PDB file of all heavy atoms in Angstrom:
ATOM      1  N   VAL A   1       4.786  -0.760  -5.379  1.00  0.00           N
ATOM      2  CA  VAL A   1       4.379   0.541  -5.918  1.00  0.00           C
ATOM      3  C   VAL A   1       4.866   0.704  -7.351  1.00  0.00           C
ATOM      4  O   VAL A   1       4.126   1.163  -8.228  1.00  0.00           O
ATOM      5  CB  VAL A   1       4.913   1.687  -5.023  1.00  0.00           C
ATOM      6  CG1 VAL A   1       4.738   3.035  -5.714  1.00  0.00           C
ATOM      7  CG2 VAL A   1       4.184   1.694  -3.690  1.00  0.00           C
ATOM      8  N   GLN A   2       6.105   0.316  -7.618  1.00  0.00           N
ATOM      9  CA  GLN A   2       6.651   0.449  -8.964  1.00  0.00           C
ATOM     10  C   GLN A   2       5.890  -0.404  -9.971  1.00  0.00           C
ATOM     11  O   GLN A   2       5.795  -0.043 -11.150  1.00  0.00           O
ATOM     12  CB  GLN A   2       8.133   0.070  -8.950  1.00  0.00           C
ATOM     13  CG  GLN A   2       8.998   1.085  -8.226  1.00  0.00           C
ATOM     14  CD  GLN A   2      10.426   0.622  -8.036  1.00  0.00           C
ATOM     15  OE1 GLN A   2      10.830  -0.392  -8.596  1.00  0.00           O
ATOM     16  NE2 GLN A   2      11.198   1.351  -7.248  1.00  0.00           N
ATOM     17  N   ASP A   3       5.319  -1.510  -9.517  1.00  0.00           N
ATOM     18  CA  ASP A   3       4.576  -2.384 -10.422  1.00  0.00           C
ATOM     19  C   ASP A   3       3.147  -1.917 -10.659  1.00  0.00           C
ATOM     20  O   ASP A   3       2.575  -2.214 -11.714  1.00  0.00           O
ATOM     21  CB  ASP A   3       4.538  -3.812  -9.865  1.00  0.00           C
ATOM     22  CG  ASP A   3       5.873  -4.527  -9.984  1.00  0.00           C
ATOM     23  OD1 ASP A   3       6.693  -4.110 -10.829  1.00  0.00           O
ATOM     24  OD2 ASP A   3       6.104  -5.483  -9.227  1.00  0.00           O
ATOM     25  N   ASP A   4       2.560  -1.194  -9.713  1.00  0.00           N
ATOM     26  CA  ASP A   4       1.107  -0.995  -9.758  1.00  0.00           C
ATOM     27  C   ASP A   4       0.646   0.434  -9.514  1.00  0.00           C
ATOM     28  O   ASP A   4      -0.536   0.653  -9.244  1.00  0.00           O
ATOM     29  CB  ASP A   4       0.456  -1.912  -8.709  1.00  0.00           C
ATOM     30  CG  ASP A   4      -0.839  -2.525  -9.220  1.00  0.00           C
ATOM     31  OD1 ASP A   4      -1.081  -2.472 -10.434  1.00  0.00           O
ATOM     32  OD2 ASP A   4      -1.610  -3.042  -8.393  1.00  0.00           O
ATOM     33  N   TYR A   5       1.555   1.418  -9.608  1.00  0.00           N
ATOM     34  CA  TYR A   5       1.156   2.782  -9.267  1.00  0.00           C
ATOM     35  C   TYR A   5       0.158   3.388 -10.248  1.00  0.00           C
ATOM     36  O   TYR A   5      -0.526   4.358  -9.932  1.00  0.00           O
ATOM     37  CB  TYR A   5       2.386   3.690  -9.151  1.00  0.00           C
ATOM     38  CG  TYR A   5       3.156   3.897 -10.434  1.00  0.00           C
ATOM     39  CD1 TYR A   5       2.864   4.939 -11.300  1.00  0.00           C
ATOM     40  CD2 TYR A   5       4.203   3.038 -10.771  1.00  0.00           C
ATOM     41  CE1 TYR A   5       3.586   5.113 -12.477  1.00  0.00           C
ATOM     42  CE2 TYR A   5       4.924   3.218 -11.945  1.00  0.00           C
ATOM     43  CZ  TYR A   5       4.611   4.253 -12.789  1.00  0.00           C
ATOM     44  OH  TYR A   5       5.319   4.430 -13.944  1.00  0.00           O
ATOM     45  N   HIS A   6       0.064   2.818 -11.467  1.00  0.00           N
ATOM     46  CA  HIS A   6      -0.918   3.324 -12.423  1.00  0.00           C
ATOM     47  C   HIS A   6      -2.341   3.149 -11.903  1.00  0.00           C
ATOM     48  O   HIS A   6      -3.163   4.052 -11.972  1.00  0.00           O
ATOM     49  CB  HIS A   6      -0.811   2.585 -13.765  1.00  0.00           C
ATOM     50  CG  HIS A   6       0.390   2.956 -14.554  1.00  0.00           C
ATOM     51  ND1 HIS A   6       1.580   2.280 -14.446  1.00  0.00           N
ATOM     52  CD2 HIS A   6       0.587   3.941 -15.467  1.00  0.00           C
ATOM     53  CE1 HIS A   6       2.459   2.824 -15.268  1.00  0.00           C
ATOM     54  NE2 HIS A   6       1.887   3.827 -15.900  1.00  0.00           N
ATOM     55  N   ARG A   7      -2.601   1.961 -11.369  1.00  0.00           N
ATOM     56  CA  ARG A   7      -3.981   1.633 -10.996  1.00  0.00           C
ATOM     57  C   ARG A   7      -4.308   1.925  -9.536  1.00  0.00           C
ATOM     58  O   ARG A   7      -5.456   2.210  -9.207  1.00  0.00           O
ATOM     59  CB  ARG A   7      -4.233   0.143 -11.269  1.00  0.00           C
ATOM     60  CG  ARG A   7      -4.166  -0.226 -12.745  1.00  0.00           C
ATOM     61  CD  ARG A   7      -4.472  -1.699 -12.934  1.00  0.00           C
ATOM     62  NE  ARG A   7      -3.518  -2.531 -12.196  1.00  0.00           N
ATOM     63  CZ  ARG A   7      -3.722  -3.819 -11.933  1.00  0.00           C
ATOM     64  NH1 ARG A   7      -4.833  -4.406 -12.314  1.00  0.00           N
ATOM     65  NH2 ARG A   7      -2.802  -4.521 -11.285  1.00  0.00           N
ATOM     66  N   HIS A   8      -3.312   1.839  -8.674  1.00  0.00           N
ATOM     67  CA  HIS A   8      -3.590   1.973  -7.239  1.00  0.00           C
ATOM     68  C   HIS A   8      -2.674   3.020  -6.626  1.00  0.00           C
ATOM     69  O   HIS A   8      -1.457   2.863  -6.630  1.00  0.00           O
ATOM     70  CB  HIS A   8      -3.406   0.626  -6.543  1.00  0.00           C
ATOM     71  CG  HIS A   8      -4.339  -0.438  -7.045  1.00  0.00           C
ATOM     72  ND1 HIS A   8      -5.689  -0.444  -6.759  1.00  0.00           N
ATOM     73  CD2 HIS A   8      -4.111  -1.511  -7.848  1.00  0.00           C
ATOM     74  CE1 HIS A   8      -6.260  -1.487  -7.339  1.00  0.00           C
ATOM     75  NE2 HIS A   8      -5.324  -2.146  -8.008  1.00  0.00           N
ATOM     76  N   ARG A   9      -3.280   4.069  -6.073  1.00  0.00           N
ATOM     77  CA  ARG A   9      -2.510   5.199  -5.540  1.00  0.00           C
ATOM     78  C   ARG A   9      -2.790   5.454  -4.064  1.00  0.00           C
ATOM     79  O   ARG A   9      -2.546   6.547  -3.578  1.00  0.00           O
ATOM     80  CB  ARG A   9      -2.809   6.461  -6.371  1.00  0.00           C
ATOM     81  CG  ARG A   9      -2.382   6.288  -7.818  1.00  0.00           C
ATOM     82  CD  ARG A   9      -2.660   7.504  -8.658  1.00  0.00           C
ATOM     83  NE  ARG A   9      -2.313   7.226 -10.043  1.00  0.00           N
ATOM     84  CZ  ARG A   9      -3.040   7.562 -11.093  1.00  0.00           C
ATOM     85  NH1 ARG A   9      -4.159   8.239 -10.919  1.00  0.00           N
ATOM     86  NH2 ARG A   9      -2.658   7.259 -12.316  1.00  0.00           N
ATOM     87  N   SER A  10      -3.287   4.457  -3.378  1.00  0.00           N
ATOM     88  CA  SER A  10      -3.522   4.602  -1.939  1.00  0.00           C
ATOM     89  C   SER A  10      -2.568   3.699  -1.166  1.00  0.00           C
ATOM     90  O   SER A  10      -2.304   2.555  -1.572  1.00  0.00           O
ATOM     91  CB  SER A  10      -4.965   4.256  -1.581  1.00  0.00           C
ATOM     92  OG  SER A  10      -5.191   2.865  -1.689  1.00  0.00           O
ATOM     93  N   VAL A  11      -2.060   4.212  -0.064  1.00  0.00           N
ATOM     94  CA  VAL A  11      -1.172   3.417   0.785  1.00  0.00           C
ATOM     95  C   VAL A  11      -1.906   2.191   1.322  1.00  0.00           C
ATOM     96  O   VAL A  11      -1.322   1.111   1.474  1.00  0.00           O
ATOM     97  CB  VAL A  11      -0.627   4.285   1.935  1.00  0.00           C
ATOM     98  CG1 VAL A  11       0.211   3.446   2.896  1.00  0.00           C
ATOM     99  CG2 VAL A  11       0.206   5.443   1.386  1.00  0.00           C
ATOM    100  N   LYS A  12      -3.200   2.335   1.569  1.00  0.00           N
ATOM    101  CA  LYS A  12      -3.994   1.226   2.106  1.00  0.00           C
ATOM    102  C   LYS A  12      -3.959   0.016   1.179  1.00  0.00           C
ATOM    103  O   LYS A  12      -3.880  -1.132   1.655  1.00  0.00           O
ATOM    104  CB  LYS A  12      -5.444   1.664   2.328  1.00  0.00           C
ATOM    105  CG  LYS A  12      -6.326   0.582   2.958  1.00  0.00           C
ATOM    106  CD  LYS A  12      -7.742   1.057   3.156  1.00  0.00           C
ATOM    107  CE  LYS A  12      -8.564  -0.011   3.873  1.00  0.00           C
ATOM    108  NZ  LYS A  12      -8.530  -1.341   3.214  1.00  0.00           N
ATOM    109  N   HIS A  13      -4.021   0.248  -0.101  1.00  0.00           N
ATOM    110  CA  HIS A  13      -4.003  -0.877  -1.054  1.00  0.00           C
ATOM    111  C   HIS A  13      -2.741  -1.729  -0.855  1.00  0.00           C
ATOM    112  O   HIS A  13      -2.816  -2.960  -0.796  1.00  0.00           O
ATOM    113  CB  HIS A  13      -4.048  -0.340  -2.484  1.00  0.00           C
ATOM    114  CG  HIS A  13      -3.776  -1.381  -3.522  1.00  0.00           C
ATOM    115  ND1 HIS A  13      -4.719  -2.289  -3.939  1.00  0.00           N
ATOM    116  CD2 HIS A  13      -2.631  -1.669  -4.235  1.00  0.00           C
ATOM    117  CE1 HIS A  13      -4.189  -3.092  -4.852  1.00  0.00           C
ATOM    118  NE2 HIS A  13      -2.932  -2.737  -5.045  1.00  0.00           N
ATOM    119  N   TYR A  14      -1.600  -1.082  -0.726  1.00  0.00           N
ATOM    120  CA  TYR A  14      -0.343  -1.815  -0.583  1.00  0.00           C
ATOM    121  C   TYR A  14      -0.194  -2.399   0.819  1.00  0.00           C
ATOM    122  O   TYR A  14       0.385  -3.477   0.978  1.00  0.00           O
ATOM    123  CB  TYR A  14       0.821  -0.885  -0.928  1.00  0.00           C
ATOM    124  CG  TYR A  14       0.726  -0.365  -2.344  1.00  0.00           C
ATOM    125  CD1 TYR A  14       0.292   0.927  -2.620  1.00  0.00           C
ATOM    126  CD2 TYR A  14       1.031  -1.197  -3.415  1.00  0.00           C
ATOM    127  CE1 TYR A  14       0.170   1.385  -3.924  1.00  0.00           C
ATOM    128  CE2 TYR A  14       0.915  -0.744  -4.724  1.00  0.00           C
ATOM    129  CZ  TYR A  14       0.485   0.548  -4.974  1.00  0.00           C
ATOM    130  OH  TYR A  14       0.346   0.995  -6.261  1.00  0.00           O
ATOM    131  N   ALA A  15      -0.729  -1.707   1.808  1.00  0.00           N
ATOM    132  CA  ALA A  15      -0.695  -2.236   3.173  1.00  0.00           C
ATOM    133  C   ALA A  15      -1.506  -3.535   3.253  1.00  0.00           C
ATOM    134  O   ALA A  15      -1.084  -4.497   3.917  1.00  0.00           O
ATOM    135  CB  ALA A  15      -1.252  -1.200   4.147  1.00  0.00           C
ATOM    136  N   ASP A  16      -2.651  -3.570   2.564  1.00  0.00           N
ATOM    137  CA  ASP A  16      -3.479  -4.793   2.572  1.00  0.00           C
ATOM    138  C   ASP A  16      -2.724  -5.960   1.946  1.00  0.00           C
ATOM    139  O   ASP A  16      -2.773  -7.088   2.444  1.00  0.00           O
ATOM    140  CB  ASP A  16      -4.781  -4.541   1.808  1.00  0.00           C
ATOM    141  CG  ASP A  16      -5.727  -3.607   2.544  1.00  0.00           C
ATOM    142  OD1 ASP A  16      -5.515  -3.393   3.754  1.00  0.00           O
ATOM    143  OD2 ASP A  16      -6.657  -3.078   1.900  1.00  0.00           O
ATOM    144  N   ILE A  17      -2.014  -5.705   0.848  1.00  0.00           N
ATOM    145  CA  ILE A  17      -1.245  -6.775   0.196  1.00  0.00           C
ATOM    146  C   ILE A  17      -0.140  -7.276   1.115  1.00  0.00           C
ATOM    147  O   ILE A  17       0.151  -8.484   1.175  1.00  0.00           O
ATOM    148  CB  ILE A  17      -0.645  -6.265  -1.124  1.00  0.00           C
ATOM    149  CG1 ILE A  17      -1.746  -5.941  -2.126  1.00  0.00           C
ATOM    150  CG2 ILE A  17       0.323  -7.288  -1.715  1.00  0.00           C
ATOM    151  CD1 ILE A  17      -1.247  -5.338  -3.417  1.00  0.00           C
ATOM    152  N   LEU A  18       0.471  -6.353   1.865  1.00  0.00           N
ATOM    153  CA  LEU A  18       1.588  -6.702   2.747  1.00  0.00           C
ATOM    154  C   LEU A  18       1.126  -7.182   4.120  1.00  0.00           C
ATOM    155  O   LEU A  18       1.953  -7.493   4.983  1.00  0.00           O
ATOM    156  CB  LEU A  18       2.508  -5.483   2.898  1.00  0.00           C
ATOM    157  CG  LEU A  18       3.226  -5.046   1.616  1.00  0.00           C
ATOM    158  CD1 LEU A  18       3.867  -3.675   1.798  1.00  0.00           C
ATOM    159  CD2 LEU A  18       4.276  -6.070   1.210  1.00  0.00           C
ATOM    160  N   CYS A  19      -0.196  -7.213   4.306  1.00  0.00           N
ATOM    161  CA  CYS A  19      -0.789  -7.727   5.557  1.00  0.00           C
ATOM    162  C   CYS A  19      -0.366  -6.918   6.778  1.00  0.00           C
ATOM    163  O   CYS A  19      -0.048  -7.474   7.851  1.00  0.00           O
ATOM    164  CB  CYS A  19      -0.444  -9.204   5.756  1.00  0.00           C
ATOM    165  SG  CYS A  19      -1.057 -10.269   4.420  1.00  0.00           S
ATOM    166  N   VAL A  20      -0.315  -5.596   6.621  1.00  0.00           N
ATOM    167  CA  VAL A  20      -0.046  -4.695   7.738  1.00  0.00           C
ATOM    168  C   VAL A  20      -1.053  -3.553   7.655  1.00  0.00           C
ATOM    169  O   VAL A  20      -1.744  -3.384   6.646  1.00  0.00           O
ATOM    170  CB  VAL A  20       1.392  -4.123   7.706  1.00  0.00           C
ATOM    171  CG1 VAL A  20       2.420  -5.228   7.868  1.00  0.00           C
ATOM    172  CG2 VAL A  20       1.638  -3.353   6.410  1.00  0.00           C
ATOM    173  N   THR A  21      -1.130  -2.763   8.705  1.00  0.00           N
ATOM    174  CA  THR A  21      -2.037  -1.627   8.679  1.00  0.00           C
ATOM    175  C   THR A  21      -1.383  -0.465   7.925  1.00  0.00           C
ATOM    176  O   THR A  21      -0.149  -0.365   7.888  1.00  0.00           O
ATOM    177  CB  THR A  21      -2.388  -1.154  10.092  1.00  0.00           C
ATOM    178  OG1 THR A  21      -1.195  -0.641  10.713  1.00  0.00           O
ATOM    179  CG2 THR A  21      -2.958  -2.312  10.926  1.00  0.00           C
ATOM    180  N   PRO A  22      -2.191   0.411   7.321  1.00  0.00           N
ATOM    181  CA  PRO A  22      -1.611   1.585   6.657  1.00  0.00           C
ATOM    182  C   PRO A  22      -0.770   2.435   7.601  1.00  0.00           C
ATOM    183  O   PRO A  22       0.264   2.984   7.191  1.00  0.00           O
ATOM    184  CB  PRO A  22      -2.849   2.352   6.170  1.00  0.00           C
ATOM    185  CG  PRO A  22      -3.905   1.315   6.027  1.00  0.00           C
ATOM    186  CD  PRO A  22      -3.652   0.337   7.131  1.00  0.00           C
ATOM    187  N   LYS A  23      -1.186   2.524   8.857  1.00  0.00           N
ATOM    188  CA  LYS A  23      -0.438   3.317   9.824  1.00  0.00           C
ATOM    189  C   LYS A  23       0.944   2.728  10.060  1.00  0.00           C
ATOM    190  O   LYS A  23       1.951   3.457  10.106  1.00  0.00           O
ATOM    191  CB  LYS A  23      -1.215   3.395  11.144  1.00  0.00           C
ATOM    192  CG  LYS A  23      -0.547   4.264  12.202  1.00  0.00           C
ATOM    193  CD  LYS A  23      -1.397   4.345  13.461  1.00  0.00           C
ATOM    194  CE  LYS A  23      -0.725   5.224  14.513  1.00  0.00           C
ATOM    195  NZ  LYS A  23      -1.553   5.299  15.750  1.00  0.00           N
ATOM    196  N   TYR A  24       1.010   1.399  10.225  1.00  0.00           N
ATOM    197  CA  TYR A  24       2.307   0.764  10.462  1.00  0.00           C
ATOM    198  C   TYR A  24       3.201   0.874   9.227  1.00  0.00           C
ATOM    199  O   TYR A  24       4.400   1.173   9.343  1.00  0.00           O
ATOM    200  CB  TYR A  24       2.109  -0.708  10.835  1.00  0.00           C
ATOM    201  CG  TYR A  24       3.413  -1.443  11.061  1.00  0.00           C
ATOM    202  CD1 TYR A  24       4.159  -1.228  12.223  1.00  0.00           C
ATOM    203  CD2 TYR A  24       3.906  -2.332  10.110  1.00  0.00           C
ATOM    204  CE1 TYR A  24       5.367  -1.886  12.435  1.00  0.00           C
ATOM    205  CE2 TYR A  24       5.104  -3.001  10.311  1.00  0.00           C
ATOM    206  CZ  TYR A  24       5.831  -2.766  11.472  1.00  0.00           C
ATOM    207  OH  TYR A  24       7.027  -3.419  11.679  1.00  0.00           O
ATOM    208  N   LEU A  25       2.624   0.644   8.051  1.00  0.00           N
ATOM    209  CA  LEU A  25       3.414   0.749   6.828  1.00  0.00           C
ATOM    210  C   LEU A  25       3.957   2.161   6.656  1.00  0.00           C
ATOM    211  O   LEU A  25       5.135   2.345   6.312  1.00  0.00           O
ATOM    212  CB  LEU A  25       2.557   0.370   5.616  1.00  0.00           C
ATOM    213  CG  LEU A  25       3.234   0.480   4.244  1.00  0.00           C
ATOM    214  CD1 LEU A  25       4.469  -0.418   4.166  1.00  0.00           C
ATOM    215  CD2 LEU A  25       2.260   0.122   3.132  1.00  0.00           C
ATOM    216  N   SER A  26       3.125   3.158   6.920  1.00  0.00           N
ATOM    217  CA  SER A  26       3.569   4.549   6.795  1.00  0.00           C
ATOM    218  C   SER A  26       4.692   4.857   7.781  1.00  0.00           C
ATOM    219  O   SER A  26       5.654   5.556   7.441  1.00  0.00           O
ATOM    220  CB  SER A  26       2.388   5.497   7.046  1.00  0.00           C
ATOM    221  OG  SER A  26       1.382   5.324   6.070  1.00  0.00           O
ATOM    222  N   MET A  27       4.599   4.298   8.970  1.00  0.00           N
ATOM    223  CA  MET A  27       5.627   4.515   9.983  1.00  0.00           C
ATOM    224  C   MET A  27       6.954   3.896   9.550  1.00  0.00           C
ATOM    225  O   MET A  27       8.021   4.516   9.673  1.00  0.00           O
ATOM    226  CB  MET A  27       5.188   3.906  11.314  1.00  0.00           C
ATOM    227  CG  MET A  27       6.199   4.077  12.453  1.00  0.00           C
ATOM    228  SD  MET A  27       5.726   3.146  13.929  1.00  0.00           S
ATOM    229  CE  MET A  27       6.005   1.459  13.370  1.00  0.00           C
TER     230      MET A  27
END
């Protein structure tokens, strides 16, 4: 998030990079 918050502001974007679901990452 600290590296890319300018361009990407959705949790889903980071969940995809981390290979987890947005729901699991949020939890």
